[in-house]
Amino acid sequence: FTDYIVKDSGVYWAIIALAPSVLFYALGGALRGYFQGLQHMTPTAVSQVADQLIRVGATIGFALWLMPRGIEYAVAGVAFSFVVGEMVSVLILLGFYFRQKKSLLNKIASCRRPQRESWRPLIRRLARLALPIVLTTIIWPIMQMLDTLFVPSRMQAAGFSGEEIREWMGYLGMALTLCQFPNIITVALSTSLIPAISEAATLGSGRLVARRTEEALRIALLFGLPSFVGLFVLASPIAEMLFSYAQVGLPLRVLAIGTVTLGTIQATTGVLEGLGRVTIPVKNLLVGVVVKLILNLILTGLPNFGALGAAWGSSAGWLVVAVLNTYSVFTRVGFSIKLGDFLIKPISSAMFMGWLIYYSYDTLYSILFSVLGNGVANTIATLSSIGLGIPCYFLMLMMVGSITEKDIRLIPKLGGQLGNTLYYWGFLRK
């Protein structure tokens, strides 16, 4: 694999270190599926938070420990942190299972039982559902692997040196990771949406399916739009703060649209899979892969684009999939879109937020630069602008009525008191 596909022997030990993760991902996926099928989301949430915390700590620890032995071993240590995080996640899920086993089995036993099936038709039915979802899961990394396969050779043909290619591939990878980070909320939304939509469809309630679909898309846009604007406006400062490479901001600005399109893809895929239409997301995703591949081959071979061509290809591919998925959901669910609440008000609020963070960053950085220097001034100005922009965006949404008191009350534990307080202050409408 390292010799003939990646063509970089430096990743050998990283792949070796990642190998055990296959076992833990399989066990974790089975346990999460069990809990999510019962719409019991707490074990998934706790295990994934623990996974990320352990992974970050292990990443730093292994990198510091192995860096003196060479960069290849340090990267392998970072890769092994994924294994450690997933292993802890599986242990937590097992703990939840054994602790709640009796009550969970009683809940299953109390459900209305369908007619018993023999194992052969049951396996066939499971395969028809599972295989398309597996294909979707496989296509996503293949979509990213296209960059690894084609971009270096196309950039080499365009006259880029080996060192430039490696640098820009690193910048592209950092930007891809960062642009997908805001979609944590829509990933969770998609995960919980599948059993919720499936339940509503089984009950034969088309109105409930339409309402849950509409809410899922609204949430995806409400969180995707400010993420896009924030990453676009502060692309270089964020890249400088996190990676110490302002150049990451160039592909990040192109990929920022993915915070909207990827969120839409995740929400609509959850709806379609919940309805049992599991082949549709696969077909739409394949169309997006073809679009990305064509643009990659064309744009990355142009000297003015290089690795940015791959960023444009990814953004275009995501956009195509989002549009096709949304159309597929609309034709099957028939949900209604309130243009003002869905688009006009969130876009206006996000644009105001963008204007605010742009000028707040510029002002703070200008004041702090002469005193603290570039690095510290950039970090303080970036974090302060984000800390100012996010609450202002949501306050704007409340004031224009896109977020109501009913939405705030859905927040676990804090929602009731927070809704009353914001309504009393005049920020919320009923």
Protein backbone atom coordinates (compact mmCIF):
# COMPACT_ATOMS: atom_id res chain seq x y z
CA PHE A 1 0.00 0.00 0.00
CA THR A 2 2.74 2.47 0.93
CA ASP A 3 4.86 1.59 -2.12
CA TYR A 4 2.24 1.43 -4.86
CA ILE A 5 -0.72 3.60 -3.76
CA VAL A 6 0.51 6.29 -1.35
CA LYS A 7 4.03 6.15 -2.84
CA ASP A 8 5.55 7.47 0.37
CA SER A 9 7.42 4.97 2.57
CA GLY A 10 7.18 7.40 5.49
CA VAL A 11 3.58 6.35 6.21
CA TYR A 12 4.43 2.65 6.69
CA TRP A 13 4.54 2.71 10.49
CA ALA A 14 1.43 4.91 10.66
CA ILE A 15 -0.56 2.25 8.78
CA ILE A 16 0.83 -0.49 11.03
CA ALA A 17 -0.19 1.53 14.09
CA LEU A 18 -3.71 2.07 12.74
CA ALA A 19 -4.36 -1.61 11.97
CA PRO A 20 -5.84 -2.60 15.39
CA SER A 21 -8.43 0.18 15.09
CA VAL A 22 -10.41 -2.00 12.65
CA LEU A 23 -11.39 -4.38 15.47
CA PHE A 24 -12.40 -1.62 17.89
CA TYR A 25 -14.33 0.34 15.24
CA ALA A 26 -16.32 -2.82 14.47
CA LEU A 27 -17.14 -3.50 18.13
CA GLY A 28 -17.95 0.16 18.80
CA GLY A 29 -20.18 0.37 15.72
CA ALA A 30 -22.19 -2.70 16.79
CA LEU A 31 -22.72 -1.38 20.32
CA ARG A 32 -23.63 2.16 19.17
CA GLY A 33 -26.08 0.72 16.65
CA TYR A 34 -27.75 -1.28 19.43
CA PHE A 35 -28.24 1.79 21.64
CA GLN A 36 -29.21 4.12 18.78
CA GLY A 37 -31.80 1.65 17.51
CA LEU A 38 -33.48 2.05 20.90
CA GLN A 39 -33.09 5.87 20.60
CA HIS A 40 -30.87 5.74 23.71
CA MET A 41 -28.21 8.28 22.69
CA THR A 42 -26.39 8.88 26.00
CA PRO A 43 -23.92 5.94 25.67
CA THR A 44 -22.90 7.09 22.17
CA ALA A 45 -22.44 10.67 23.35
CA VAL A 46 -20.39 9.78 26.44
CA SER A 47 -18.23 7.26 24.57
CA GLN A 48 -17.46 9.67 21.73
CA VAL A 49 -16.58 12.55 24.04
CA ALA A 50 -14.26 10.24 26.00
CA ASP A 51 -12.79 8.96 22.72
CA GLN A 52 -11.90 12.50 21.61
CA LEU A 53 -10.44 13.53 24.97
CA ILE A 54 -8.29 10.39 25.21
CA ARG A 55 -7.29 10.71 21.56
CA VAL A 56 -6.09 14.31 21.97
CA GLY A 57 -4.12 13.45 25.11
CA ALA A 58 -2.59 10.35 23.52
CA THR A 59 -1.74 12.30 20.37
CA ILE A 60 0.26 14.87 22.31
CA GLY A 61 1.90 12.26 24.54
CA PHE A 62 2.94 9.86 21.76
CA ALA A 63 4.15 12.69 19.52
CA LEU A 64 6.40 14.12 22.26
CA TRP A 65 7.67 10.66 23.24
CA LEU A 66 8.46 9.43 19.73
CA MET A 67 9.58 12.65 18.01
CA PRO A 68 13.26 12.11 19.01
CA ARG A 69 13.20 8.78 17.09
CA GLY A 70 12.09 10.48 13.87
CA ILE A 71 9.04 12.06 12.26
CA GLU A 72 7.77 8.70 10.89
CA TYR A 73 7.58 7.23 14.40
CA ALA A 74 5.96 10.38 15.80
CA VAL A 75 3.26 10.20 13.12
CA ALA A 76 2.77 6.51 13.92
CA GLY A 77 2.26 7.48 17.56
CA VAL A 78 -0.38 10.00 16.52
CA ALA A 79 -2.07 7.27 14.44
CA PHE A 80 -2.01 4.86 17.39
CA SER A 81 -3.83 7.46 19.50
CA PHE A 82 -6.91 6.71 17.34
CA VAL A 83 -6.69 3.08 18.49
CA VAL A 84 -6.41 4.07 22.15
CA GLY A 85 -9.38 6.45 21.89
CA GLU A 86 -11.62 3.91 20.18
CA MET A 87 -10.62 1.18 22.64
CA VAL A 88 -11.66 3.39 25.59
CA SER A 89 -14.89 4.18 23.74
CA VAL A 90 -15.70 0.45 23.39
CA LEU A 91 -15.01 -0.15 27.09
CA ILE A 92 -17.41 2.66 28.03
CA LEU A 93 -20.11 1.27 25.73
CA LEU A 94 -19.68 -2.19 27.26
CA GLY A 95 -20.00 -0.63 30.70
CA PHE A 96 -23.30 1.01 29.71
CA TYR A 97 -24.52 -2.27 28.22
CA PHE A 98 -23.82 -4.45 31.26
CA ARG A 99 -25.11 -1.79 33.64
CA GLN A 100 -28.41 -1.35 31.75
CA LYS A 101 -28.72 -4.79 30.17
CA LYS A 102 -31.79 -5.86 32.15
CA SER A 103 -33.82 -2.68 31.55
CA LEU A 104 -32.86 -2.57 27.85
CA LEU A 105 -33.91 -6.17 27.27
CA ASN A 106 -37.19 -5.52 29.12
CA LYS A 107 -37.79 -2.52 26.84
CA ILE A 108 -37.22 -4.67 23.77
CA ALA A 109 -39.48 -7.43 25.14
CA SER A 110 -42.31 -4.93 25.71
CA CYS A 111 -42.29 -3.81 22.06
CA ARG A 112 -44.86 -5.14 19.63
CA ARG A 113 -43.21 -8.19 18.07
CA PRO A 114 -43.45 -8.73 14.31
CA GLN A 115 -44.05 -12.15 12.86
CA ARG A 116 -41.03 -14.38 13.41
CA GLU A 117 -38.75 -14.75 10.38
CA SER A 118 -36.48 -17.64 9.51
CA TRP A 119 -32.79 -16.77 9.41
CA ARG A 120 -32.35 -16.83 5.61
CA PRO A 121 -34.86 -14.06 4.71
CA LEU A 122 -33.75 -12.11 7.79
CA ILE A 123 -30.12 -12.18 6.63
CA ARG A 124 -31.19 -11.15 3.11
CA ARG A 125 -33.20 -8.22 4.46
CA LEU A 126 -30.36 -7.09 6.70
CA ALA A 127 -27.93 -7.32 3.77
CA ARG A 128 -30.20 -5.21 1.56
CA LEU A 129 -30.21 -2.51 4.23
CA ALA A 130 -26.60 -2.80 5.36
CA LEU A 131 -24.67 -3.09 2.08
CA PRO A 132 -25.68 0.31 0.64
CA ILE A 133 -24.89 1.99 3.98
CA VAL A 134 -21.51 0.22 4.04
CA LEU A 135 -20.87 1.42 0.48
CA THR A 136 -21.68 4.98 1.54
CA THR A 137 -19.22 4.70 4.41
CA ILE A 138 -16.53 3.34 2.08
CA ILE A 139 -17.10 5.94 -0.64
CA TRP A 140 -16.37 8.87 1.72
CA PRO A 141 -12.72 7.89 2.38
CA ILE A 142 -12.35 6.94 -1.29
CA MET A 143 -13.53 10.44 -2.14
CA GLN A 144 -10.70 11.85 -0.02
CA MET A 145 -8.21 9.24 -1.26
CA LEU A 146 -8.66 10.59 -4.80
CA ASP A 147 -6.60 13.57 -3.64
CA THR A 148 -3.78 11.26 -2.53
CA LEU A 149 -3.89 9.27 -5.77
CA PHE A 150 -4.13 11.98 -8.41
CA VAL A 151 -3.18 15.37 -7.00
CA PRO A 152 0.60 14.78 -6.56
CA SER A 153 1.06 13.40 -10.10
CA ARG A 154 -1.05 16.17 -11.65
CA MET A 155 0.84 18.84 -9.69
CA GLN A 156 4.13 17.29 -10.76
CA ALA A 157 2.98 17.49 -14.38
CA ALA A 158 2.13 21.18 -13.80
CA GLY A 159 5.72 21.87 -12.72
CA PHE A 160 5.51 21.81 -8.93
CA SER A 161 8.55 20.44 -7.09
CA GLY A 162 8.36 17.43 -4.77
CA GLU A 163 8.78 19.67 -1.71
CA GLU A 164 5.99 22.01 -2.85
CA ILE A 165 3.67 19.07 -3.49
CA ARG A 166 4.26 17.63 -0.02
CA GLU A 167 3.71 21.03 1.60
CA TRP A 168 0.46 21.73 -0.25
CA MET A 169 -0.87 18.23 0.36
CA GLY A 170 -0.27 18.87 4.06
CA TYR A 171 -2.08 22.22 3.87
CA LEU A 172 -4.98 20.58 2.05
CA GLY A 173 -5.25 17.80 4.67
CA MET A 174 -5.28 20.35 7.51
CA ALA A 175 -7.98 22.39 5.77
CA LEU A 176 -10.14 19.30 5.13
CA THR A 177 -9.98 18.34 8.79
CA LEU A 178 -10.86 21.85 9.94
CA CYS A 179 -13.77 22.36 7.53
CA GLN A 180 -15.40 19.11 8.72
CA PHE A 181 -15.05 19.93 12.43
CA PRO A 182 -18.20 22.15 12.69
CA ASN A 183 -20.32 19.25 11.39
CA ILE A 184 -20.07 17.44 14.75
CA ILE A 185 -23.63 18.61 15.48
CA THR A 186 -25.06 17.40 12.17
CA VAL A 187 -23.28 14.03 12.53
CA ALA A 188 -25.06 13.62 15.89
CA LEU A 189 -28.29 14.83 14.29
CA SER A 190 -28.02 12.29 11.47
CA THR A 191 -27.27 9.49 13.93
CA SER A 192 -30.36 10.19 16.04
CA LEU A 193 -32.51 10.96 12.99
CA ILE A 194 -32.39 7.46 11.47
CA PRO A 195 -34.34 5.65 14.24
CA ALA A 196 -36.64 8.66 14.73
CA ILE A 197 -37.62 8.79 11.05
CA SER A 198 -37.86 5.00 10.89
CA GLU A 199 -40.25 5.01 13.87
CA ALA A 200 -42.45 7.71 12.32
CA ALA A 201 -42.53 5.88 8.97
CA THR A 202 -43.42 2.58 10.69
CA LEU A 203 -46.32 4.31 12.47
CA GLY A 204 -47.52 5.56 9.08
CA SER A 205 -47.36 9.20 10.17
CA GLY A 206 -46.31 11.15 7.08
CA ARG A 207 -46.86 14.42 8.92
CA LEU A 208 -44.42 13.41 11.67
CA VAL A 209 -41.82 12.34 9.09
CA ALA A 210 -42.18 15.70 7.30
CA ARG A 211 -41.91 17.67 10.56
CA ARG A 212 -38.78 15.81 11.71
CA THR A 213 -37.22 16.20 8.26
CA GLU A 214 -37.93 19.92 8.21
CA GLU A 215 -36.42 20.37 11.68
CA ALA A 216 -33.31 18.38 10.74
CA LEU A 217 -32.63 20.52 7.67
CA ARG A 218 -33.31 23.72 9.62
CA ILE A 219 -30.80 22.73 12.31
CA ALA A 220 -28.22 21.78 9.66
CA LEU A 221 -28.53 25.24 8.08
CA LEU A 222 -28.66 27.14 11.38
CA PHE A 223 -25.28 25.67 12.39
CA GLY A 224 -23.77 25.34 8.91
CA LEU A 225 -24.20 28.94 7.74
CA PRO A 226 -22.30 30.67 10.60
CA SER A 227 -19.58 28.00 10.40
CA PHE A 228 -19.14 28.74 6.70
CA VAL A 229 -19.03 32.51 7.22
CA GLY A 230 -16.67 32.23 10.20
CA LEU A 231 -14.20 29.91 8.42
CA PHE A 232 -14.33 32.00 5.25
CA VAL A 233 -13.72 35.34 6.98
CA LEU A 234 -11.12 34.09 9.49
CA ALA A 235 -9.55 31.33 7.37
CA SER A 236 -5.95 32.56 7.56
CA PRO A 237 -6.05 33.71 11.23
CA ILE A 238 -7.56 30.36 12.31
CA ALA A 239 -4.97 28.44 10.27
CA GLU A 240 -2.18 30.53 11.79
CA MET A 241 -3.54 29.99 15.31
CA LEU A 242 -4.05 26.21 15.03
CA PHE A 243 -1.29 25.09 12.66
CA SER A 244 1.17 28.02 12.48
CA TYR A 245 0.73 27.90 8.69
CA ALA A 246 -1.32 30.79 7.32
CA GLN A 247 -1.16 29.07 3.89
CA VAL A 248 -3.78 26.57 5.12
CA GLY A 249 -6.23 29.46 4.89
CA LEU A 250 -6.21 29.34 1.07
CA PRO A 251 -7.74 25.85 0.67
CA LEU A 252 -9.78 26.36 3.85
CA ARG A 253 -11.58 29.36 2.34
CA VAL A 254 -12.57 27.21 -0.65
CA LEU A 255 -13.59 24.23 1.50
CA ALA A 256 -15.57 26.33 4.00
CA ILE A 257 -18.76 25.81 1.95
CA GLY A 258 -18.52 22.17 3.08
CA THR A 259 -19.79 23.17 6.53
CA VAL A 260 -23.18 23.83 4.88
CA THR A 261 -23.20 21.11 2.22
CA LEU A 262 -21.79 18.34 4.44
CA GLY A 263 -24.32 19.15 7.15
CA THR A 264 -27.12 18.97 4.59
CA ILE A 265 -25.76 15.66 3.25
CA GLN A 266 -25.63 14.15 6.74
CA ALA A 267 -29.17 15.27 7.63
CA THR A 268 -30.73 14.14 4.34
CA THR A 269 -28.84 10.84 4.39
CA GLY A 270 -30.24 10.19 7.87
CA VAL A 271 -33.76 10.86 6.58
CA LEU A 272 -33.38 8.61 3.52
CA GLU A 273 -31.84 5.77 5.54
CA GLY A 274 -34.56 6.12 8.15
CA LEU A 275 -37.13 5.71 5.37
CA GLY A 276 -35.33 2.58 4.19
CA ARG A 277 -34.20 4.28 0.93
CA VAL A 278 -30.61 3.30 1.58
CA THR A 279 -29.49 3.03 -2.07
CA ILE A 280 -30.34 6.65 -2.94
CA PRO A 281 -27.51 8.29 -0.89
CA VAL A 282 -25.05 5.84 -2.47
CA LYS A 283 -26.09 6.79 -6.01
CA ASN A 284 -25.98 10.50 -5.22
CA LEU A 285 -22.59 10.16 -3.57
CA LEU A 286 -21.20 8.34 -6.61
CA VAL A 287 -22.31 11.26 -8.79
CA GLY A 288 -20.47 13.63 -6.44
CA VAL A 289 -17.33 11.47 -6.60
CA VAL A 290 -17.39 11.59 -10.41
CA VAL A 291 -17.73 15.40 -10.35
CA LYS A 292 -14.85 15.68 -7.87
CA LEU A 293 -12.65 13.33 -9.92
CA ILE A 294 -13.20 15.26 -13.16
CA LEU A 295 -12.47 18.62 -11.52
CA ASN A 296 -9.42 17.19 -9.71
CA LEU A 297 -7.92 15.92 -12.95
CA ILE A 298 -8.55 19.22 -14.74
CA LEU A 299 -7.79 21.84 -12.10
CA THR A 300 -4.84 20.31 -10.22
CA GLY A 301 -2.90 20.11 -13.48
CA LEU A 302 -3.12 23.90 -13.91
CA PRO A 303 -0.21 25.90 -12.43
CA ASN A 304 -2.57 28.57 -11.05
CA PHE A 305 -4.58 25.99 -9.07
CA GLY A 306 -2.44 23.05 -7.96
CA ALA A 307 -3.74 21.66 -4.66
CA LEU A 308 -6.46 24.34 -4.63
CA GLY A 309 -7.97 22.46 -7.58
CA ALA A 310 -8.59 19.51 -5.25
CA ALA A 311 -10.29 21.87 -2.78
CA TRP A 312 -12.57 23.20 -5.52
CA GLY A 313 -13.26 19.62 -6.62
CA SER A 314 -14.25 18.57 -3.10
CA SER A 315 -16.52 21.60 -2.63
CA ALA A 316 -18.23 21.03 -5.99
CA GLY A 317 -18.68 17.30 -5.27
CA TRP A 318 -20.23 18.00 -1.86
CA LEU A 319 -22.57 20.59 -3.37
CA VAL A 320 -23.81 18.15 -6.02
CA VAL A 321 -24.50 15.44 -3.42
CA ALA A 322 -26.30 17.92 -1.12
CA VAL A 323 -28.58 19.11 -3.94
CA LEU A 324 -29.37 15.56 -5.13
CA ASN A 325 -30.03 14.33 -1.58
CA THR A 326 -32.30 17.28 -0.78
CA TYR A 327 -34.26 16.75 -3.98
CA SER A 328 -34.58 13.03 -3.21
CA VAL A 329 -35.91 13.78 0.29
CA PHE A 330 -38.32 16.45 -0.98
CA THR A 331 -39.86 14.16 -3.59
CA ARG A 332 -40.45 11.41 -0.99
CA VAL A 333 -41.39 13.39 2.09
CA GLY A 334 -42.91 16.54 0.62
CA PHE A 335 -41.87 18.81 3.49
CA SER A 336 -42.55 22.53 3.26
CA ILE A 337 -39.83 25.18 3.40
CA LYS A 338 -40.53 28.56 4.99
CA LEU A 339 -38.12 30.66 2.95
CA GLY A 340 -37.77 33.35 5.61
CA ASP A 341 -37.01 31.03 8.54
CA PHE A 342 -34.98 28.57 6.47
CA LEU A 343 -32.77 30.90 4.44
CA ILE A 344 -33.34 34.66 4.55
CA LYS A 345 -33.15 35.17 8.32
CA PRO A 346 -30.22 32.76 8.95
CA ILE A 347 -28.25 34.12 5.97
CA SER A 348 -28.83 37.73 7.10
CA SER A 349 -27.77 36.87 10.66
CA ALA A 350 -24.68 35.02 9.42
CA MET A 351 -23.69 37.96 7.19
CA PHE A 352 -24.01 40.34 10.14
CA MET A 353 -21.87 37.96 12.20
CA GLY A 354 -19.27 37.88 9.39
CA TRP A 355 -19.10 41.67 9.27
CA LEU A 356 -18.78 41.81 13.06
CA ILE A 357 -15.97 39.24 13.38
CA TYR A 358 -14.06 40.75 10.43
CA TYR A 359 -13.88 44.21 11.96
CA SER A 360 -13.44 43.01 15.55
CA TYR A 361 -10.49 40.82 14.50
CA ASP A 362 -8.92 43.63 12.45
CA THR A 363 -9.27 46.14 15.29
CA LEU A 364 -8.00 43.84 18.04
CA TYR A 365 -5.08 42.55 16.00
CA SER A 366 -3.97 46.11 15.11
CA ILE A 367 -4.02 47.11 18.79
CA LEU A 368 -2.26 44.00 20.13
CA PHE A 369 0.33 43.40 17.39
CA SER A 370 2.77 46.10 18.47
CA VAL A 371 2.62 44.96 22.11
CA LEU A 372 2.41 41.15 21.93
CA GLY A 373 3.74 40.24 18.50
CA ASN A 374 2.08 38.33 15.67
CA GLY A 375 1.40 34.93 17.25
CA VAL A 376 -0.18 35.99 20.54
CA ALA A 377 -2.01 38.93 18.97
CA ASN A 378 -3.48 36.70 16.28
CA THR A 379 -4.64 34.07 18.80
CA ILE A 380 -6.30 36.59 21.13
CA ALA A 381 -7.94 38.49 18.26
CA THR A 382 -9.20 35.29 16.61
CA LEU A 383 -10.65 33.74 19.78
CA SER A 384 -12.19 37.04 20.86
CA SER A 385 -13.83 37.55 17.47
CA ILE A 386 -15.26 34.02 17.49
CA GLY A 387 -16.43 34.46 21.09
CA LEU A 388 -18.20 37.68 20.09
CA GLY A 389 -19.62 36.45 16.78
CA ILE A 390 -21.29 33.18 17.85
CA PRO A 391 -23.57 34.59 20.60
CA CYS A 392 -24.41 37.62 18.44
CA TYR A 393 -25.48 35.29 15.61
CA PHE A 394 -27.83 33.31 17.83
CA LEU A 395 -29.18 36.46 19.48
CA MET A 396 -29.95 37.80 15.99
CA LEU A 397 -31.79 34.56 15.16
CA MET A 398 -33.84 34.90 18.34
CA MET A 399 -34.70 38.54 17.68
CA VAL A 400 -35.88 37.86 14.10
CA GLY A 401 -37.85 34.79 15.22
CA SER A 402 -35.85 31.99 13.58
CA ILE A 403 -35.21 30.50 17.03
CA THR A 404 -38.19 30.52 19.38
CA GLU A 405 -38.74 29.75 23.04
CA LYS A 406 -39.89 26.24 22.07
CA ASP A 407 -36.48 25.59 20.42
CA ILE A 408 -34.56 26.72 23.50
CA ARG A 409 -36.66 24.50 25.78
CA LEU A 410 -35.43 21.47 23.84
CA ILE A 411 -31.93 21.96 25.33
CA PRO A 412 -31.50 19.26 28.01
CA LYS A 413 -31.71 20.46 31.64
CA LEU A 414 -30.86 24.12 30.89
CA GLY A 415 -33.57 24.76 28.30
CA GLY A 416 -36.47 25.66 30.60
CA GLN A 417 -34.69 28.26 32.71
CA LEU A 418 -32.72 29.65 29.76
CA GLY A 419 -35.89 29.99 27.67
CA ASN A 420 -37.69 31.87 30.47
CA THR A 421 -34.71 34.21 31.00
CA LEU A 422 -34.24 35.04 27.29
CA TYR A 423 -37.98 35.58 26.85
CA TYR A 424 -38.08 37.87 29.89
CA TRP A 425 -35.19 39.93 28.46
CA GLY A 426 -37.03 40.27 25.16
CA PHE A 427 -34.70 38.15 22.99
CA LEU A 428 -37.18 35.35 22.34
CA ARG A 429 -40.63 35.06 20.82
CA LYS A 430 -43.20 32.45 21.72
